[in-house]
Amino acid sequence: MSGLCAKCEQCEHDLREKMRRKGALSADIDHVIDYLYDHRFLDEERYARAYARDKLRFNGWGRLKIRMMLSSKRLSREAISVAMEATEIPEYSEVLEQIVRGKARALDLSDAANRQKLLRSVYARGFEPQLIIKAMEALRRL
């Protein structure tokens, strides 16, 4: 498990699931997890920051979806808050604008139904509605 953690960031929940699937006993799993924390192979906040940054950059996810997915990995509220701070970068709005522009190419934004379709589509990626509306308005002004 330390080799896996050395390659890329992992979270405790995922590692526990991997070890369970391989048939490890609970006591052994706890021992391995303690070792990984003691030797800094595992760090909840570091994982959360890396996860949030990667999902924003490579998957085009917004804060809402990132927060939901981090919660599903049973991370602490503190770690999730740290991850949300990691998305407070200018790149966030750039990613949002890029997604809105890309999806708007195929739509006529003068039609209210198409604007709703665009809003729902970008909202499904986890971006905040008020930011989506601002990006759409900026695009219509161009």
C-alpha atoms as a PDB file:
ATOM      1  CA  MET A   1       0.000   0.000   0.000  1.00  0.00           C
ATOM      2  CA  SER A   2       2.907   2.365   0.664  1.00  0.00           C
ATOM      3  CA  GLY A   3       4.029   1.867  -2.939  1.00  0.00           C
ATOM      4  CA  LEU A   4       0.573   2.786  -4.180  1.00  0.00           C
ATOM      5  CA  CYS A   5       0.525   5.887  -1.966  1.00  0.00           C
ATOM      6  CA  ALA A   6       3.984   6.861  -3.218  1.00  0.00           C
ATOM      7  CA  LYS A   7       2.730   6.841  -6.842  1.00  0.00           C
ATOM      8  CA  CYS A   8      -0.295   9.059  -6.293  1.00  0.00           C
ATOM      9  CA  GLU A   9      -2.414  10.474  -3.482  1.00  0.00           C
ATOM     10  CA  GLN A  10      -4.820   8.005  -1.903  1.00  0.00           C
ATOM     11  CA  CYS A  11      -7.494   8.335   0.749  1.00  0.00           C
ATOM     12  CA  GLU A  12      -8.100   6.043   3.683  1.00  0.00           C
ATOM     13  CA  HIS A  13     -11.553   5.005   2.480  1.00  0.00           C
ATOM     14  CA  ASP A  14     -10.278   3.836  -0.926  1.00  0.00           C
ATOM     15  CA  LEU A  15      -7.333   1.963   0.601  1.00  0.00           C
ATOM     16  CA  ARG A  16      -9.564   0.208   3.113  1.00  0.00           C
ATOM     17  CA  GLU A  17     -11.876  -0.881   0.294  1.00  0.00           C
ATOM     18  CA  LYS A  18      -8.943  -2.201  -1.769  1.00  0.00           C
ATOM     19  CA  MET A  19      -7.607  -4.203   1.154  1.00  0.00           C
ATOM     20  CA  ARG A  20     -11.092  -5.561   1.993  1.00  0.00           C
ATOM     21  CA  ARG A  21     -11.549  -6.730  -1.606  1.00  0.00           C
ATOM     22  CA  LYS A  22      -8.216  -8.552  -1.371  1.00  0.00           C
ATOM     23  CA  GLY A  23      -9.425 -10.348   1.753  1.00  0.00           C
ATOM     24  CA  ALA A  24      -7.414  -8.564   4.446  1.00  0.00           C
ATOM     25  CA  LEU A  25      -8.606  -8.794   8.035  1.00  0.00           C
ATOM     26  CA  SER A  26      -9.871  -5.667   9.825  1.00  0.00           C
ATOM     27  CA  ALA A  27      -7.025  -5.718  12.357  1.00  0.00           C
ATOM     28  CA  ASP A  28      -4.457  -5.938   9.553  1.00  0.00           C
ATOM     29  CA  ILE A  29      -6.153  -3.127   7.651  1.00  0.00           C
ATOM     30  CA  ASP A  30      -6.072  -0.904  10.749  1.00  0.00           C
ATOM     31  CA  HIS A  31      -2.391  -1.683  11.263  1.00  0.00           C
ATOM     32  CA  VAL A  32      -1.531  -0.819   7.651  1.00  0.00           C
ATOM     33  CA  ILE A  33      -3.550   2.422   7.776  1.00  0.00           C
ATOM     34  CA  ASP A  34      -1.807   3.466  11.011  1.00  0.00           C
ATOM     35  CA  TYR A  35       1.579   2.767   9.418  1.00  0.00           C
ATOM     36  CA  LEU A  36       0.677   4.827   6.344  1.00  0.00           C
ATOM     37  CA  TYR A  37      -0.403   7.805   8.485  1.00  0.00           C
ATOM     38  CA  ASP A  38       2.661   7.526  10.745  1.00  0.00           C
ATOM     39  CA  HIS A  39       5.013   7.575   7.750  1.00  0.00           C
ATOM     40  CA  ARG A  40       3.090  10.363   5.954  1.00  0.00           C
ATOM     41  CA  PHE A  41       2.030   8.189   3.022  1.00  0.00           C
ATOM     42  CA  LEU A  42      -1.537   9.170   3.886  1.00  0.00           C
ATOM     43  CA  ASP A  43      -2.639  12.729   4.559  1.00  0.00           C
ATOM     44  CA  GLU A  44      -6.329  13.613   4.313  1.00  0.00           C
ATOM     45  CA  GLU A  45      -5.847  17.306   3.569  1.00  0.00           C
ATOM     46  CA  ARG A  46      -3.116  16.701   1.009  1.00  0.00           C
ATOM     47  CA  TYR A  47      -5.336  14.162  -0.735  1.00  0.00           C
ATOM     48  CA  ALA A  48      -8.342  16.511  -0.702  1.00  0.00           C
ATOM     49  CA  ARG A  49      -6.328  19.396  -2.204  1.00  0.00           C
ATOM     50  CA  ALA A  50      -4.888  17.191  -4.939  1.00  0.00           C
ATOM     51  CA  TYR A  51      -8.290  15.655  -5.699  1.00  0.00           C
ATOM     52  CA  ALA A  52     -10.006  19.046  -5.968  1.00  0.00           C
ATOM     53  CA  ARG A  53      -7.253  20.523  -8.137  1.00  0.00           C
ATOM     54  CA  ASP A  54      -7.194  17.535 -10.491  1.00  0.00           C
ATOM     55  CA  LYS A  55     -10.973  17.262 -10.856  1.00  0.00           C
ATOM     56  CA  LEU A  56     -11.196  20.967 -11.653  1.00  0.00           C
ATOM     57  CA  ARG A  57      -8.369  20.949 -14.192  1.00  0.00           C
ATOM     58  CA  PHE A  58      -8.824  17.602 -15.878  1.00  0.00           C
ATOM     59  CA  ASN A  59     -12.529  16.799 -15.477  1.00  0.00           C
ATOM     60  CA  GLY A  60     -13.979  20.308 -15.455  1.00  0.00           C
ATOM     61  CA  TRP A  61     -15.864  19.770 -12.197  1.00  0.00           C
ATOM     62  CA  GLY A  62     -17.187  22.617 -10.071  1.00  0.00           C
ATOM     63  CA  ARG A  63     -17.008  23.042  -6.306  1.00  0.00           C
ATOM     64  CA  LEU A  64     -20.415  21.486  -5.644  1.00  0.00           C
ATOM     65  CA  LYS A  65     -19.537  18.187  -7.321  1.00  0.00           C
ATOM     66  CA  ILE A  66     -16.029  18.115  -5.855  1.00  0.00           C
ATOM     67  CA  ARG A  67     -17.440  18.668  -2.346  1.00  0.00           C
ATOM     68  CA  MET A  68     -20.022  15.914  -2.839  1.00  0.00           C
ATOM     69  CA  MET A  69     -17.428  13.425  -4.088  1.00  0.00           C
ATOM     70  CA  LEU A  70     -15.004  14.211  -1.255  1.00  0.00           C
ATOM     71  CA  SER A  71     -17.848  13.649   1.212  1.00  0.00           C
ATOM     72  CA  SER A  72     -18.556  10.290  -0.383  1.00  0.00           C
ATOM     73  CA  LYS A  73     -14.954   9.331   0.376  1.00  0.00           C
ATOM     74  CA  ARG A  74     -15.681  10.004   4.060  1.00  0.00           C
ATOM     75  CA  LEU A  75     -13.144  12.782   4.465  1.00  0.00           C
ATOM     76  CA  SER A  76     -13.401  15.154   7.414  1.00  0.00           C
ATOM     77  CA  ARG A  77     -15.083  18.531   7.084  1.00  0.00           C
ATOM     78  CA  GLU A  78     -11.739  20.197   7.730  1.00  0.00           C
ATOM     79  CA  ALA A  79     -10.101  18.354   4.820  1.00  0.00           C
ATOM     80  CA  ILE A  80     -12.998  19.232   2.534  1.00  0.00           C
ATOM     81  CA  SER A  81     -12.740  22.889   3.557  1.00  0.00           C
ATOM     82  CA  VAL A  82      -9.037  22.850   2.706  1.00  0.00           C
ATOM     83  CA  ALA A  83      -9.882  21.377  -0.692  1.00  0.00           C
ATOM     84  CA  MET A  84     -12.474  24.052  -1.359  1.00  0.00           C
ATOM     85  CA  GLU A  85      -9.867  26.702  -0.590  1.00  0.00           C
ATOM     86  CA  ALA A  86      -7.635  25.056  -3.190  1.00  0.00           C
ATOM     87  CA  THR A  87     -10.290  25.812  -5.826  1.00  0.00           C
ATOM     88  CA  GLU A  88     -10.262  29.533  -4.959  1.00  0.00           C
ATOM     89  CA  ILE A  89      -8.042  30.274  -7.924  1.00  0.00           C
ATOM     90  CA  PRO A  90      -8.496  32.292 -11.128  1.00  0.00           C
ATOM     91  CA  GLU A  91      -8.435  29.026 -13.038  1.00  0.00           C
ATOM     92  CA  TYR A  92     -11.868  28.154 -11.585  1.00  0.00           C
ATOM     93  CA  SER A  93     -13.656  30.890 -13.502  1.00  0.00           C
ATOM     94  CA  GLU A  94     -11.570  30.146 -16.603  1.00  0.00           C
ATOM     95  CA  VAL A  95     -12.653  26.499 -16.555  1.00  0.00           C
ATOM     96  CA  LEU A  96     -16.274  27.553 -16.084  1.00  0.00           C
ATOM     97  CA  GLU A  97     -16.119  30.030 -18.979  1.00  0.00           C
ATOM     98  CA  GLN A  98     -14.470  27.439 -21.214  1.00  0.00           C
ATOM     99  CA  ILE A  99     -17.206  24.894 -20.472  1.00  0.00           C
ATOM    100  CA  VAL A 100     -19.984  27.445 -21.033  1.00  0.00           C
ATOM    101  CA  ARG A 101     -18.422  28.560 -24.331  1.00  0.00           C
ATOM    102  CA  GLY A 102     -17.992  24.982 -25.510  1.00  0.00           C
ATOM    103  CA  LYS A 103     -21.546  23.942 -24.731  1.00  0.00           C
ATOM    104  CA  ALA A 104     -23.021  27.218 -26.050  1.00  0.00           C
ATOM    105  CA  ARG A 105     -21.548  26.679 -29.522  1.00  0.00           C
ATOM    106  CA  ALA A 106     -24.228  24.137 -30.320  1.00  0.00           C
ATOM    107  CA  LEU A 107     -27.068  26.213 -28.850  1.00  0.00           C
ATOM    108  CA  ASP A 108     -28.944  29.366 -29.768  1.00  0.00           C
ATOM    109  CA  LEU A 109     -28.800  31.389 -26.547  1.00  0.00           C
ATOM    110  CA  SER A 110     -31.561  33.738 -27.659  1.00  0.00           C
ATOM    111  CA  ASP A 111     -33.953  30.836 -26.966  1.00  0.00           C
ATOM    112  CA  ALA A 112     -34.915  30.504 -23.280  1.00  0.00           C
ATOM    113  CA  ALA A 113     -35.135  26.700 -23.525  1.00  0.00           C
ATOM    114  CA  ASN A 114     -31.567  26.520 -24.796  1.00  0.00           C
ATOM    115  CA  ARG A 115     -30.350  28.822 -22.006  1.00  0.00           C
ATOM    116  CA  GLN A 116     -32.014  26.504 -19.475  1.00  0.00           C
ATOM    117  CA  LYS A 117     -30.435  23.499 -21.164  1.00  0.00           C
ATOM    118  CA  LEU A 118     -27.007  25.129 -20.920  1.00  0.00           C
ATOM    119  CA  LEU A 119     -27.559  26.081 -17.282  1.00  0.00           C
ATOM    120  CA  ARG A 120     -28.636  22.538 -16.335  1.00  0.00           C
ATOM    121  CA  SER A 121     -25.727  21.008 -18.223  1.00  0.00           C
ATOM    122  CA  VAL A 122     -23.082  23.134 -16.520  1.00  0.00           C
ATOM    123  CA  TYR A 123     -24.828  22.839 -13.144  1.00  0.00           C
ATOM    124  CA  ALA A 124     -24.592  19.043 -13.474  1.00  0.00           C
ATOM    125  CA  ARG A 125     -20.803  19.481 -13.529  1.00  0.00           C
ATOM    126  CA  GLY A 126     -21.023  21.063 -10.093  1.00  0.00           C
ATOM    127  CA  PHE A 127     -20.712  24.774 -10.785  1.00  0.00           C
ATOM    128  CA  GLU A 128     -22.695  27.291  -8.777  1.00  0.00           C
ATOM    129  CA  PRO A 129     -25.808  28.642 -10.576  1.00  0.00           C
ATOM    130  CA  GLN A 130     -24.974  32.325  -9.961  1.00  0.00           C
ATOM    131  CA  LEU A 131     -21.505  31.857 -11.510  1.00  0.00           C
ATOM    132  CA  ILE A 132     -22.989  30.009 -14.485  1.00  0.00           C
ATOM    133  CA  ILE A 133     -25.457  32.835 -15.095  1.00  0.00           C
ATOM    134  CA  LYS A 134     -22.647  35.410 -14.958  1.00  0.00           C
ATOM    135  CA  ALA A 135     -20.609  33.400 -17.458  1.00  0.00           C
ATOM    136  CA  MET A 136     -23.625  33.058 -19.743  1.00  0.00           C
ATOM    137  CA  GLU A 137     -24.308  36.794 -19.578  1.00  0.00           C
ATOM    138  CA  ALA A 138     -20.678  37.565 -20.388  1.00  0.00           C
ATOM    139  CA  LEU A 139     -20.869  35.209 -23.364  1.00  0.00           C
ATOM    140  CA  ARG A 140     -24.065  36.844 -24.656  1.00  0.00           C
ATOM    141  CA  ARG A 141     -22.404  40.262 -24.496  1.00  0.00           C
ATOM    142  CA  LEU A 142     -19.637  39.142 -26.849  1.00  0.00           C
END
